[in-house]
Amino acid sequence: MKRDPRLVEFSREHHSALKLGLLIKNSDDLALLIKEIKKAKGMLLNHFAEEETDLLGIMHRIGDQSVIDRFEDDHKKLRRYLHQSELTLEDVKAFGALLTSHSRFEEQELFQVIQDYWLQLEEQ
């Protein structure tokens, strides 16, 4: 299914997050990885805030608590990594894995649920 225009910008940002996740997966250069995470930090924090503002109310109307719980829990964990003053390579690898799985979850599951909901509303 084609991505709804209301979600396109989120998808673009997920693409950037997935690129960062791939870099983290494929590199053990801690200094480089921390530099790249710091460079992406503002975008990621803004992205989380915008998703919470724009999408959380919709998710509550849909009522799928397991999706809501994962969404909120992932954002909380990712923020915790982004605000840590010291990151080990193990921390960075865990952050990258979570960022990748979270972006895929939103693209493949969450956005599909939201788009299906919007389609139902349009058909009423």
PDB file of N, CA and C in Angstrom:
ATOM      1  N   MET A   1       0.842  -1.185   0.000  1.00  0.00           N
ATOM      2  CA  MET A   1       0.000   0.000   0.000  1.00  0.00           C
ATOM      3  C   MET A   1       0.883   1.242   0.000  1.00  0.00           C
ATOM      4  N   LYS A   2       0.482   2.205  -0.780  1.00  0.00           N
ATOM      5  CA  LYS A   2       1.216   3.467  -0.849  1.00  0.00           C
ATOM      6  C   LYS A   2       1.117   4.207   0.493  1.00  0.00           C
ATOM      7  N   ARG A   3       2.195   4.884   0.862  1.00  0.00           N
ATOM      8  CA  ARG A   3       2.230   5.616   2.132  1.00  0.00           C
ATOM      9  C   ARG A   3       1.319   6.827   2.057  1.00  0.00           C
ATOM     10  N   ASP A   4       0.476   6.995   3.052  1.00  0.00           N
ATOM     11  CA  ASP A   4      -0.403   8.155   3.144  1.00  0.00           C
ATOM     12  C   ASP A   4       0.456   9.418   3.234  1.00  0.00           C
ATOM     13  N   PRO A   5       0.081  10.484   2.511  1.00  0.00           N
ATOM     14  CA  PRO A   5       0.885  11.722   2.524  1.00  0.00           C
ATOM     15  C   PRO A   5       1.122  12.282   3.920  1.00  0.00           C
ATOM     16  N   ARG A   6       0.208  12.021   4.851  1.00  0.00           N
ATOM     17  CA  ARG A   6       0.372  12.529   6.221  1.00  0.00           C
ATOM     18  C   ARG A   6       1.511  11.827   6.954  1.00  0.00           C
ATOM     19  N   LEU A   7       1.990  10.713   6.414  1.00  0.00           N
ATOM     20  CA  LEU A   7       3.055   9.945   7.068  1.00  0.00           C
ATOM     21  C   LEU A   7       4.375   9.984   6.303  1.00  0.00           C
ATOM     22  N   VAL A   8       4.386  10.616   5.138  1.00  0.00           N
ATOM     23  CA  VAL A   8       5.565  10.595   4.269  1.00  0.00           C
ATOM     24  C   VAL A   8       6.797  11.185   4.952  1.00  0.00           C
ATOM     25  N   GLU A   9       6.658  12.315   5.607  1.00  0.00           N
ATOM     26  CA  GLU A   9       7.834  12.931   6.246  1.00  0.00           C
ATOM     27  C   GLU A   9       8.390  12.036   7.354  1.00  0.00           C
ATOM     28  N   PHE A  10       7.505  11.387   8.103  1.00  0.00           N
ATOM     29  CA  PHE A  10       7.979  10.438   9.122  1.00  0.00           C
ATOM     30  C   PHE A  10       8.781   9.318   8.454  1.00  0.00           C
ATOM     31  N   SER A  11       8.299   8.818   7.315  1.00  0.00           N
ATOM     32  CA  SER A  11       9.003   7.752   6.596  1.00  0.00           C
ATOM     33  C   SER A  11      10.371   8.215   6.114  1.00  0.00           C
ATOM     34  N   ARG A  12      10.454   9.435   5.658  1.00  0.00           N
ATOM     35  CA  ARG A  12      11.763   9.967   5.234  1.00  0.00           C
ATOM     36  C   ARG A  12      12.742   9.979   6.407  1.00  0.00           C
ATOM     37  N   GLU A  13      12.252  10.397   7.544  1.00  0.00           N
ATOM     38  CA  GLU A  13      13.110  10.426   8.735  1.00  0.00           C
ATOM     39  C   GLU A  13      13.481   9.014   9.169  1.00  0.00           C
ATOM     40  N   HIS A  14      12.562   8.057   8.993  1.00  0.00           N
ATOM     41  CA  HIS A  14      12.887   6.667   9.311  1.00  0.00           C
ATOM     42  C   HIS A  14      14.014   6.169   8.403  1.00  0.00           C
ATOM     43  N   HIS A  15      14.018   6.607   7.163  1.00  0.00           N
ATOM     44  CA  HIS A  15      15.085   6.220   6.248  1.00  0.00           C
ATOM     45  C   HIS A  15      16.439   6.686   6.805  1.00  0.00           C
ATOM     46  N   SER A  16      16.488   7.911   7.302  1.00  0.00           N
ATOM     47  CA  SER A  16      17.731   8.425   7.910  1.00  0.00           C
ATOM     48  C   SER A  16      18.104   7.622   9.146  1.00  0.00           C
ATOM     49  N   ALA A  17      17.106   7.272   9.956  1.00  0.00           N
ATOM     50  CA  ALA A  17      17.367   6.479  11.159  1.00  0.00           C
ATOM     51  C   ALA A  17      17.887   5.091  10.784  1.00  0.00           C
ATOM     52  N   LEU A  18      17.324   4.491   9.734  1.00  0.00           N
ATOM     53  CA  LEU A  18      17.790   3.176   9.301  1.00  0.00           C
ATOM     54  C   LEU A  18      19.220   3.237   8.767  1.00  0.00           C
ATOM     55  N   LYS A  19      19.572   4.320   8.086  1.00  0.00           N
ATOM     56  CA  LYS A  19      20.955   4.493   7.619  1.00  0.00           C
ATOM     57  C   LYS A  19      21.908   4.576   8.813  1.00  0.00           C
ATOM     58  N   LEU A  20      21.511   5.315   9.857  1.00  0.00           N
ATOM     59  CA  LEU A  20      22.332   5.406  11.064  1.00  0.00           C
ATOM     60  C   LEU A  20      22.447   4.029  11.718  1.00  0.00           C
ATOM     61  N   GLY A  21      21.338   3.312  11.807  1.00  0.00           N
ATOM     62  CA  GLY A  21      21.363   1.971  12.383  1.00  0.00           C
ATOM     63  C   GLY A  21      22.288   1.031  11.633  1.00  0.00           C
ATOM     64  N   LEU A  22      22.312   1.130  10.315  1.00  0.00           N
ATOM     65  CA  LEU A  22      23.192   0.296   9.503  1.00  0.00           C
ATOM     66  C   LEU A  22      24.660   0.667   9.732  1.00  0.00           C
ATOM     67  N   LEU A  23      24.936   1.961   9.812  1.00  0.00           N
ATOM     68  CA  LEU A  23      26.298   2.396  10.110  1.00  0.00           C
ATOM     69  C   LEU A  23      26.750   1.830  11.456  1.00  0.00           C
ATOM     70  N   ILE A  24      25.881   1.927  12.450  1.00  0.00           N
ATOM     71  CA  ILE A  24      26.224   1.415  13.783  1.00  0.00           C
ATOM     72  C   ILE A  24      26.476  -0.085  13.733  1.00  0.00           C
ATOM     73  N   LYS A  25      25.631  -0.794  13.004  1.00  0.00           N
ATOM     74  CA  LYS A  25      25.791  -2.251  12.897  1.00  0.00           C
ATOM     75  C   LYS A  25      27.120  -2.628  12.266  1.00  0.00           C
ATOM     76  N   ASN A  26      27.557  -1.850  11.277  1.00  0.00           N
ATOM     77  CA  ASN A  26      28.724  -2.230  10.485  1.00  0.00           C
ATOM     78  C   ASN A  26      30.042  -1.614  10.933  1.00  0.00           C
ATOM     79  N   SER A  27      30.036  -0.831  11.993  1.00  0.00           N
ATOM     80  CA  SER A  27      31.271  -0.185  12.435  1.00  0.00           C
ATOM     81  C   SER A  27      31.516  -0.432  13.918  1.00  0.00           C
ATOM     82  N   ASP A  28      32.772  -0.513  14.260  1.00  0.00           N
ATOM     83  CA  ASP A  28      33.169  -0.608  15.672  1.00  0.00           C
ATOM     84  C   ASP A  28      33.977   0.615  16.096  1.00  0.00           C
ATOM     85  N   ASP A  29      33.956   1.652  15.282  1.00  0.00           N
ATOM     86  CA  ASP A  29      34.681   2.888  15.572  1.00  0.00           C
ATOM     87  C   ASP A  29      33.811   3.745  16.496  1.00  0.00           C
ATOM     88  N   LEU A  30      34.039   3.596  17.792  1.00  0.00           N
ATOM     89  CA  LEU A  30      33.189   4.245  18.791  1.00  0.00           C
ATOM     90  C   LEU A  30      33.160   5.755  18.616  1.00  0.00           C
ATOM     91  N   ALA A  31      34.287   6.379  18.374  1.00  0.00           N
ATOM     92  CA  ALA A  31      34.318   7.841  18.221  1.00  0.00           C
ATOM     93  C   ALA A  31      33.466   8.286  17.032  1.00  0.00           C
ATOM     94  N   LEU A  32      33.585   7.588  15.917  1.00  0.00           N
ATOM     95  CA  LEU A  32      32.782   7.913  14.739  1.00  0.00           C
ATOM     96  C   LEU A  32      31.290   7.732  15.026  1.00  0.00           C
ATOM     97  N   LEU A  33      30.950   6.633  15.664  1.00  0.00           N
ATOM     98  CA  LEU A  33      29.540   6.338  15.921  1.00  0.00           C
ATOM     99  C   LEU A  33      28.923   7.355  16.876  1.00  0.00           C
ATOM    100  N   ILE A  34      29.656   7.724  17.909  1.00  0.00           N
ATOM    101  CA  ILE A  34      29.150   8.742  18.839  1.00  0.00           C
ATOM    102  C   ILE A  34      28.970  10.069  18.114  1.00  0.00           C
ATOM    103  N   LYS A  35      29.914  10.411  17.246  1.00  0.00           N
ATOM    104  CA  LYS A  35      29.804  11.641  16.464  1.00  0.00           C
ATOM    105  C   LYS A  35      28.533  11.616  15.609  1.00  0.00           C
ATOM    106  N   GLU A  36      28.262  10.504  14.953  1.00  0.00           N
ATOM    107  CA  GLU A  36      27.077  10.384  14.097  1.00  0.00           C
ATOM    108  C   GLU A  36      25.789  10.408  14.910  1.00  0.00           C
ATOM    109  N   ILE A  37      25.798   9.800  16.077  1.00  0.00           N
ATOM    110  CA  ILE A  37      24.617   9.821  16.950  1.00  0.00           C
ATOM    111  C   ILE A  37      24.356  11.247  17.418  1.00  0.00           C
ATOM    112  N   LYS A  38      25.406  11.949  17.821  1.00  0.00           N
ATOM    113  CA  LYS A  38      25.242  13.338  18.257  1.00  0.00           C
ATOM    114  C   LYS A  38      24.708  14.212  17.130  1.00  0.00           C
ATOM    115  N   LYS A  39      25.192  13.951  15.911  1.00  0.00           N
ATOM    116  CA  LYS A  39      24.731  14.706  14.749  1.00  0.00           C
ATOM    117  C   LYS A  39      23.232  14.466  14.492  1.00  0.00           C
ATOM    118  N   ALA A  40      22.761  13.254  14.749  1.00  0.00           N
ATOM    119  CA  ALA A  40      21.355  12.891  14.495  1.00  0.00           C
ATOM    120  C   ALA A  40      20.444  13.157  15.692  1.00  0.00           C
ATOM    121  N   LYS A  41      21.024  13.464  16.848  1.00  0.00           N
ATOM    122  CA  LYS A  41      20.244  13.576  18.084  1.00  0.00           C
ATOM    123  C   LYS A  41      19.075  14.543  17.975  1.00  0.00           C
ATOM    124  N   GLY A  42      19.305  15.753  17.497  1.00  0.00           N
ATOM    125  CA  GLY A  42      18.237  16.743  17.402  1.00  0.00           C
ATOM    126  C   GLY A  42      17.101  16.285  16.506  1.00  0.00           C
ATOM    127  N   MET A  43      17.447  15.728  15.345  1.00  0.00           N
ATOM    128  CA  MET A  43      16.435  15.225  14.427  1.00  0.00           C
ATOM    129  C   MET A  43      15.625  14.109  15.066  1.00  0.00           C
ATOM    130  N   LEU A  44      16.318  13.196  15.735  1.00  0.00           N
ATOM    131  CA  LEU A  44      15.613  12.073  16.354  1.00  0.00           C
ATOM    132  C   LEU A  44      14.680  12.533  17.468  1.00  0.00           C
ATOM    133  N   LEU A  45      15.164  13.418  18.332  1.00  0.00           N
ATOM    134  CA  LEU A  45      14.311  13.902  19.428  1.00  0.00           C
ATOM    135  C   LEU A  45      13.102  14.664  18.889  1.00  0.00           C
ATOM    136  N   ASN A  46      13.314  15.476  17.861  1.00  0.00           N
ATOM    137  CA  ASN A  46      12.187  16.172  17.232  1.00  0.00           C
ATOM    138  C   ASN A  46      11.220  15.183  16.592  1.00  0.00           C
ATOM    139  N   HIS A  47      11.757  14.174  15.949  1.00  0.00           N
ATOM    140  CA  HIS A  47      10.942  13.150  15.305  1.00  0.00           C
ATOM    141  C   HIS A  47      10.044  12.454  16.332  1.00  0.00           C
ATOM    142  N   PHE A  48      10.637  12.054  17.454  1.00  0.00           N
ATOM    143  CA  PHE A  48       9.840  11.385  18.484  1.00  0.00           C
ATOM    144  C   PHE A  48       8.723  12.303  18.986  1.00  0.00           C
ATOM    145  N   ALA A  49       9.067  13.553  19.250  1.00  0.00           N
ATOM    146  CA  ALA A  49       8.078  14.506  19.759  1.00  0.00           C
ATOM    147  C   ALA A  49       6.957  14.731  18.740  1.00  0.00           C
ATOM    148  N   GLU A  50       7.311  14.869  17.467  1.00  0.00           N
ATOM    149  CA  GLU A  50       6.288  15.078  16.434  1.00  0.00           C
ATOM    150  C   GLU A  50       5.392  13.857  16.284  1.00  0.00           C
ATOM    151  N   GLU A  51       5.973  12.675  16.330  1.00  0.00           N
ATOM    152  CA  GLU A  51       5.145  11.464  16.258  1.00  0.00           C
ATOM    153  C   GLU A  51       4.191  11.392  17.441  1.00  0.00           C
ATOM    154  N   GLU A  52       4.698  11.705  18.618  1.00  0.00           N
ATOM    155  CA  GLU A  52       3.847  11.643  19.811  1.00  0.00           C
ATOM    156  C   GLU A  52       2.720  12.669  19.716  1.00  0.00           C
ATOM    157  N   THR A  53       3.017  13.850  19.199  1.00  0.00           N
ATOM    158  CA  THR A  53       2.006  14.895  19.050  1.00  0.00           C
ATOM    159  C   THR A  53       0.988  14.525  17.972  1.00  0.00           C
ATOM    160  N   ASP A  54       1.481  14.060  16.838  1.00  0.00           N
ATOM    161  CA  ASP A  54       0.612  13.836  15.680  1.00  0.00           C
ATOM    162  C   ASP A  54      -0.062  12.467  15.663  1.00  0.00           C
ATOM    163  N   LEU A  55       0.561  11.457  16.257  1.00  0.00           N
ATOM    164  CA  LEU A  55       0.067  10.092  16.072  1.00  0.00           C
ATOM    165  C   LEU A  55      -0.488   9.417  17.323  1.00  0.00           C
ATOM    166  N   LEU A  56      -0.054   9.843  18.487  1.00  0.00           N
ATOM    167  CA  LEU A  56      -0.462   9.143  19.703  1.00  0.00           C
ATOM    168  C   LEU A  56      -1.976   9.219  19.930  1.00  0.00           C
ATOM    169  N   GLY A  57      -2.577  10.374  19.668  1.00  0.00           N
ATOM    170  CA  GLY A  57      -4.030  10.491  19.811  1.00  0.00           C
ATOM    171  C   GLY A  57      -4.772   9.560  18.872  1.00  0.00           C
ATOM    172  N   ILE A  58      -4.270   9.424  17.659  1.00  0.00           N
ATOM    173  CA  ILE A  58      -4.873   8.502  16.687  1.00  0.00           C
ATOM    174  C   ILE A  58      -4.760   7.073  17.198  1.00  0.00           C
ATOM    175  N   MET A  59      -3.599   6.729  17.726  1.00  0.00           N
ATOM    176  CA  MET A  59      -3.396   5.374  18.241  1.00  0.00           C
ATOM    177  C   MET A  59      -4.354   5.089  19.393  1.00  0.00           C
ATOM    178  N   HIS A  60      -4.587   6.079  20.238  1.00  0.00           N
ATOM    179  CA  HIS A  60      -5.522   5.873  21.351  1.00  0.00           C
ATOM    180  C   HIS A  60      -6.949   5.673  20.829  1.00  0.00           C
ATOM    181  N   ARG A  61      -7.318   6.379  19.758  1.00  0.00           N
ATOM    182  CA  ARG A  61      -8.650   6.175  19.165  1.00  0.00           C
ATOM    183  C   ARG A  61      -8.763   4.780  18.558  1.00  0.00           C
ATOM    184  N   ILE A  62      -7.672   4.300  17.972  1.00  0.00           N
ATOM    185  CA  ILE A  62      -7.669   2.948  17.410  1.00  0.00           C
ATOM    186  C   ILE A  62      -7.779   1.930  18.531  1.00  0.00           C
ATOM    187  N   GLY A  63      -7.075   2.183  19.629  1.00  0.00           N
ATOM    188  CA  GLY A  63      -7.217   1.365  20.827  1.00  0.00           C
ATOM    189  C   GLY A  63      -6.362   0.114  20.888  1.00  0.00           C
ATOM    190  N   ASP A  64      -5.328  -0.003  20.086  1.00  0.00           N
ATOM    191  CA  ASP A  64      -4.439  -1.162  20.136  1.00  0.00           C
ATOM    192  C   ASP A  64      -3.353  -0.886  21.162  1.00  0.00           C
ATOM    193  N   GLN A  65      -3.593  -1.314  22.397  1.00  0.00           N
ATOM    194  CA  GLN A  65      -2.701  -0.969  23.501  1.00  0.00           C
ATOM    195  C   GLN A  65      -1.302  -1.549  23.326  1.00  0.00           C
ATOM    196  N   SER A  66      -1.187  -2.718  22.714  1.00  0.00           N
ATOM    197  CA  SER A  66       0.151  -3.300  22.539  1.00  0.00           C
ATOM    198  C   SER A  66       1.000  -2.441  21.601  1.00  0.00           C
ATOM    199  N   VAL A  67       0.385  -1.853  20.575  1.00  0.00           N
ATOM    200  CA  VAL A  67       1.105  -0.963  19.662  1.00  0.00           C
ATOM    201  C   VAL A  67       1.502   0.315  20.395  1.00  0.00           C
ATOM    202  N   ILE A  68       0.576   0.859  21.168  1.00  0.00           N
ATOM    203  CA  ILE A  68       0.856   2.072  21.947  1.00  0.00           C
ATOM    204  C   ILE A  68       1.996   1.822  22.930  1.00  0.00           C
ATOM    205  N   ASP A  69       1.939   0.694  23.631  1.00  0.00           N
ATOM    206  CA  ASP A  69       2.963   0.380  24.624  1.00  0.00           C
ATOM    207  C   ASP A  69       4.342   0.258  23.985  1.00  0.00           C
ATOM    208  N   ARG A  70       4.416  -0.430  22.848  1.00  0.00           N
ATOM    209  CA  ARG A  70       5.718  -0.572  22.192  1.00  0.00           C
ATOM    210  C   ARG A  70       6.227   0.782  21.723  1.00  0.00           C
ATOM    211  N   PHE A  71       5.363   1.561  21.091  1.00  0.00           N
ATOM    212  CA  PHE A  71       5.713   2.889  20.603  1.00  0.00           C
ATOM    213  C   PHE A  71       6.298   3.733  21.736  1.00  0.00           C
ATOM    214  N   GLU A  72       5.585   3.824  22.841  1.00  0.00           N
ATOM    215  CA  GLU A  72       6.030   4.663  23.964  1.00  0.00           C
ATOM    216  C   GLU A  72       7.282   4.107  24.628  1.00  0.00           C
ATOM    217  N   ASP A  73       7.352   2.792  24.795  1.00  0.00           N
ATOM    218  CA  ASP A  73       8.507   2.178  25.446  1.00  0.00           C
ATOM    219  C   ASP A  73       9.775   2.362  24.606  1.00  0.00           C
ATOM    220  N   ASP A  74       9.653   2.150  23.286  1.00  0.00           N
ATOM    221  CA  ASP A  74      10.812   2.349  22.420  1.00  0.00           C
ATOM    222  C   ASP A  74      11.294   3.793  22.464  1.00  0.00           C
ATOM    223  N   HIS A  75      10.355   4.744  22.384  1.00  0.00           N
ATOM    224  CA  HIS A  75      10.754   6.161  22.429  1.00  0.00           C
ATOM    225  C   HIS A  75      11.470   6.484  23.738  1.00  0.00           C
ATOM    226  N   LYS A  76      10.959   5.948  24.838  1.00  0.00           N
ATOM    227  CA  LYS A  76      11.581   6.202  26.146  1.00  0.00           C
ATOM    228  C   LYS A  76      13.001   5.640  26.195  1.00  0.00           C
ATOM    229  N   LYS A  77      13.179   4.420  25.700  1.00  0.00           N
ATOM    230  CA  LYS A  77      14.511   3.804  25.709  1.00  0.00           C
ATOM    231  C   LYS A  77      15.473   4.544  24.780  1.00  0.00           C
ATOM    232  N   LEU A  78      15.001   4.909  23.597  1.00  0.00           N
ATOM    233  CA  LEU A  78      15.864   5.625  22.654  1.00  0.00           C
ATOM    234  C   LEU A  78      16.281   6.981  23.212  1.00  0.00           C
ATOM    235  N   ARG A  79      15.335   7.680  23.848  1.00  0.00           N
ATOM    236  CA  ARG A  79      15.682   8.969  24.477  1.00  0.00           C
ATOM    237  C   ARG A  79      16.732   8.776  25.562  1.00  0.00           C
ATOM    238  N   ARG A  80      16.599   7.714  26.325  1.00  0.00           N
ATOM    239  CA  ARG A  80      17.552   7.453  27.410  1.00  0.00           C
ATOM    240  C   ARG A  80      18.964   7.314  26.840  1.00  0.00           C
ATOM    241  N   TYR A  81      19.103   6.579  25.748  1.00  0.00           N
ATOM    242  CA  TYR A  81      20.422   6.465  25.110  1.00  0.00           C
ATOM    243  C   TYR A  81      20.914   7.828  24.628  1.00  0.00           C
ATOM    244  N   LEU A  82      20.023   8.591  24.008  1.00  0.00           N
ATOM    245  CA  LEU A  82      20.436   9.888  23.453  1.00  0.00           C
ATOM    246  C   LEU A  82      20.862  10.887  24.530  1.00  0.00           C
ATOM    247  N   HIS A  83      20.354  10.721  25.732  1.00  0.00           N
ATOM    248  CA  HIS A  83      20.687  11.648  26.817  1.00  0.00           C
ATOM    249  C   HIS A  83      21.805  11.128  27.723  1.00  0.00           C
ATOM    250  N   GLN A  84      22.295   9.912  27.478  1.00  0.00           N
ATOM    251  CA  GLN A  84      23.405   9.383  28.258  1.00  0.00           C
ATOM    252  C   GLN A  84      24.652  10.196  27.975  1.00  0.00           C
ATOM    253  N   SER A  85      25.379  10.546  29.033  1.00  0.00           N
ATOM    254  CA  SER A  85      26.590  11.352  28.824  1.00  0.00           C
ATOM    255  C   SER A  85      27.743  10.505  28.313  1.00  0.00           C
ATOM    256  N   GLU A  86      27.803   9.260  28.672  1.00  0.00           N
ATOM    257  CA  GLU A  86      28.869   8.356  28.221  1.00  0.00           C
ATOM    258  C   GLU A  86      28.223   7.122  27.607  1.00  0.00           C
ATOM    259  N   LEU A  87      28.673   6.776  26.406  1.00  0.00           N
ATOM    260  CA  LEU A  87      28.179   5.577  25.739  1.00  0.00           C
ATOM    261  C   LEU A  87      29.338   4.633  25.467  1.00  0.00           C
ATOM    262  N   THR A  88      29.171   3.382  25.815  1.00  0.00           N
ATOM    263  CA  THR A  88      30.141   2.352  25.458  1.00  0.00           C
ATOM    264  C   THR A  88      29.779   1.828  24.069  1.00  0.00           C
ATOM    265  N   LEU A  89      30.658   1.050  23.486  1.00  0.00           N
ATOM    266  CA  LEU A  89      30.347   0.437  22.199  1.00  0.00           C
ATOM    267  C   LEU A  89      29.130  -0.471  22.333  1.00  0.00           C
ATOM    268  N   GLU A  90      29.020  -1.162  23.453  1.00  0.00           N
ATOM    269  CA  GLU A  90      27.845  -2.017  23.709  1.00  0.00           C
ATOM    270  C   GLU A  90      26.564  -1.177  23.735  1.00  0.00           C
ATOM    271  N   ASP A  91      26.609  -0.013  24.384  1.00  0.00           N
ATOM    272  CA  ASP A  91      25.455   0.890  24.408  1.00  0.00           C
ATOM    273  C   ASP A  91      25.078   1.340  22.996  1.00  0.00           C
ATOM    274  N   VAL A  92      26.091   1.724  22.230  1.00  0.00           N
ATOM    275  CA  VAL A  92      25.869   2.221  20.871  1.00  0.00           C
ATOM    276  C   VAL A  92      25.250   1.127  20.011  1.00  0.00           C
ATOM    277  N   LYS A  93      25.755  -0.096  20.131  1.00  0.00           N
ATOM    278  CA  LYS A  93      25.211  -1.215  19.354  1.00  0.00           C
ATOM    279  C   LYS A  93      23.757  -1.492  19.758  1.00  0.00           C
ATOM    280  N   ALA A  94      23.461  -1.430  21.042  1.00  0.00           N
ATOM    281  CA  ALA A  94      22.088  -1.645  21.496  1.00  0.00           C
ATOM    282  C   ALA A  94      21.166  -0.525  20.994  1.00  0.00           C
ATOM    283  N   PHE A  95      21.652   0.697  21.040  1.00  0.00           N
ATOM    284  CA  PHE A  95      20.892   1.835  20.517  1.00  0.00           C
ATOM    285  C   PHE A  95      20.599   1.640  19.029  1.00  0.00           C
ATOM    286  N   GLY A  96      21.619   1.279  18.259  1.00  0.00           N
ATOM    287  CA  GLY A  96      21.442   1.081  16.825  1.00  0.00           C
ATOM    288  C   GLY A  96      20.444  -0.013  16.504  1.00  0.00           C
ATOM    289  N   ALA A  97      20.523  -1.120  17.240  1.00  0.00           N
ATOM    290  CA  ALA A  97      19.588  -2.230  17.020  1.00  0.00           C
ATOM    291  C   ALA A  97      18.155  -1.799  17.344  1.00  0.00           C
ATOM    292  N   LEU A  98      17.990  -1.067  18.446  1.00  0.00           N
ATOM    293  CA  LEU A  98      16.660  -0.603  18.829  1.00  0.00           C
ATOM    294  C   LEU A  98      16.133   0.430  17.840  1.00  0.00           C
ATOM    295  N   LEU A  99      16.979   1.342  17.411  1.00  0.00           N
ATOM    296  CA  LEU A  99      16.562   2.355  16.443  1.00  0.00           C
ATOM    297  C   LEU A  99      16.089   1.695  15.143  1.00  0.00           C
ATOM    298  N   THR A 100      16.822   0.690  14.703  1.00  0.00           N
ATOM    299  CA  THR A 100      16.449  -0.028  13.481  1.00  0.00           C
ATOM    300  C   THR A 100      15.137  -0.781  13.665  1.00  0.00           C
ATOM    301  N   SER A 101      15.018  -1.539  14.736  1.00  0.00           N
ATOM    302  CA  SER A 101      13.791  -2.327  14.935  1.00  0.00           C
ATOM    303  C   SER A 101      12.586  -1.421  15.155  1.00  0.00           C
ATOM    304  N   HIS A 102      12.792  -0.297  15.838  1.00  0.00           N
ATOM    305  CA  HIS A 102      11.690   0.635  16.066  1.00  0.00           C
ATOM    306  C   HIS A 102      11.237   1.279  14.757  1.00  0.00           C
ATOM    307  N   SER A 103      12.168   1.704  13.935  1.00  0.00           N
ATOM    308  CA  SER A 103      11.811   2.309  12.644  1.00  0.00           C
ATOM    309  C   SER A 103      11.061   1.310  11.775  1.00  0.00           C
ATOM    310  N   ARG A 104      11.502   0.086  11.750  1.00  0.00           N
ATOM    311  CA  ARG A 104      10.806  -0.962  10.974  1.00  0.00           C
ATOM    312  C   ARG A 104       9.422  -1.236  11.542  1.00  0.00           C
ATOM    313  N   PHE A 105       9.312  -1.286  12.864  1.00  0.00           N
ATOM    314  CA  PHE A 105       8.011  -1.478  13.503  1.00  0.00           C
ATOM    315  C   PHE A 105       7.029  -0.388  13.076  1.00  0.00           C
ATOM    316  N   GLU A 106       7.470   0.838  13.117  1.00  0.00           N
ATOM    317  CA  GLU A 106       6.576   1.930  12.737  1.00  0.00           C
ATOM    318  C   GLU A 106       6.204   1.844  11.267  1.00  0.00           C
ATOM    319  N   GLU A 107       7.165   1.588  10.405  1.00  0.00           N
ATOM    320  CA  GLU A 107       6.889   1.517   8.965  1.00  0.00           C
ATOM    321  C   GLU A 107       5.989   0.336   8.613  1.00  0.00           C
ATOM    322  N   GLN A 108       6.271  -0.824   9.185  1.00  0.00           N
ATOM    323  CA  GLN A 108       5.586  -2.044   8.764  1.00  0.00           C
ATOM    324  C   GLN A 108       4.313  -2.338   9.543  1.00  0.00           C
ATOM    325  N   GLU A 109       4.226  -1.879  10.787  1.00  0.00           N
ATOM    326  CA  GLU A 109       3.060  -2.198  11.607  1.00  0.00           C
ATOM    327  C   GLU A 109       2.235  -0.957  11.956  1.00  0.00           C
ATOM    328  N   LEU A 110       2.858  -0.039  12.655  1.00  0.00           N
ATOM    329  CA  LEU A 110       2.124   1.116  13.158  1.00  0.00           C
ATOM    330  C   LEU A 110       1.487   1.923  12.037  1.00  0.00           C
ATOM    331  N   PHE A 111       2.266   2.274  11.023  1.00  0.00           N
ATOM    332  CA  PHE A 111       1.719   3.102   9.950  1.00  0.00           C
ATOM    333  C   PHE A 111       0.623   2.369   9.186  1.00  0.00           C
ATOM    334  N   GLN A 112       0.737   1.054   9.075  1.00  0.00           N
ATOM    335  CA  GLN A 112      -0.316   0.295   8.402  1.00  0.00           C
ATOM    336  C   GLN A 112      -1.616   0.348   9.201  1.00  0.00           C
ATOM    337  N   VAL A 113      -1.513   0.212  10.516  1.00  0.00           N
ATOM    338  CA  VAL A 113      -2.697   0.295  11.378  1.00  0.00           C
ATOM    339  C   VAL A 113      -3.347   1.672  11.244  1.00  0.00           C
ATOM    340  N   ILE A 114      -2.547   2.712  11.255  1.00  0.00           N
ATOM    341  CA  ILE A 114      -3.066   4.078  11.138  1.00  0.00           C
ATOM    342  C   ILE A 114      -3.711   4.292   9.772  1.00  0.00           C
ATOM    343  N   GLN A 115      -3.044   3.851   8.713  1.00  0.00           N
ATOM    344  CA  GLN A 115      -3.609   4.024   7.372  1.00  0.00           C
ATOM    345  C   GLN A 115      -4.920   3.258   7.225  1.00  0.00           C
ATOM    346  N   ASP A 116      -4.986   2.051   7.761  1.00  0.00           N
ATOM    347  CA  ASP A 116      -6.243   1.285   7.714  1.00  0.00           C
ATOM    348  C   ASP A 116      -7.350   2.022   8.450  1.00  0.00           C
ATOM    349  N   TYR A 117      -7.012   2.623   9.582  1.00  0.00           N
ATOM    350  CA  TYR A 117      -7.986   3.401  10.362  1.00  0.00           C
ATOM    351  C   TYR A 117      -8.486   4.588   9.548  1.00  0.00           C
ATOM    352  N   TRP A 118      -7.575   5.307   8.919  1.00  0.00           N
ATOM    353  CA  TRP A 118      -7.971   6.461   8.105  1.00  0.00           C
ATOM    354  C   TRP A 118      -8.865   6.021   6.934  1.00  0.00           C
ATOM    355  N   LEU A 119      -8.535   4.885   6.330  1.00  0.00           N
ATOM    356  CA  LEU A 119      -9.374   4.387   5.234  1.00  0.00           C
ATOM    357  C   LEU A 119     -10.783   4.053   5.712  1.00  0.00           C
ATOM    358  N   GLN A 120     -10.885   3.443   6.874  1.00  0.00           N
ATOM    359  CA  GLN A 120     -12.204   3.140   7.454  1.00  0.00           C
ATOM    360  C   GLN A 120     -13.002   4.421   7.672  1.00  0.00           C
ATOM    361  N   LEU A 121     -12.357   5.461   8.175  1.00  0.00           N
ATOM    362  CA  LEU A 121     -13.045   6.729   8.404  1.00  0.00           C
ATOM    363  C   LEU A 121     -13.543   7.323   7.090  1.00  0.00           C
ATOM    364  N   GLU A 122     -12.731   7.229   6.047  1.00  0.00           N
ATOM    365  CA  GLU A 122     -13.105   7.769   4.747  1.00  0.00           C
ATOM    366  C   GLU A 122     -14.283   7.007   4.142  1.00  0.00           C
ATOM    367  N   GLU A 123     -14.388   5.725   4.437  1.00  0.00           N
ATOM    368  CA  GLU A 123     -15.449   4.906   3.874  1.00  0.00           C
ATOM    369  C   GLU A 123     -16.781   5.081   4.591  1.00  0.00           C
ATOM    370  N   GLN A 124     -16.748   5.678   5.746  1.00  0.00           N
ATOM    371  CA  GLN A 124     -17.999   5.861   6.523  1.00  0.00           C
ATOM    372  C   GLN A 124     -18.837   6.983   5.977  1.00  0.00           C
TER     373      GLN A 124
END
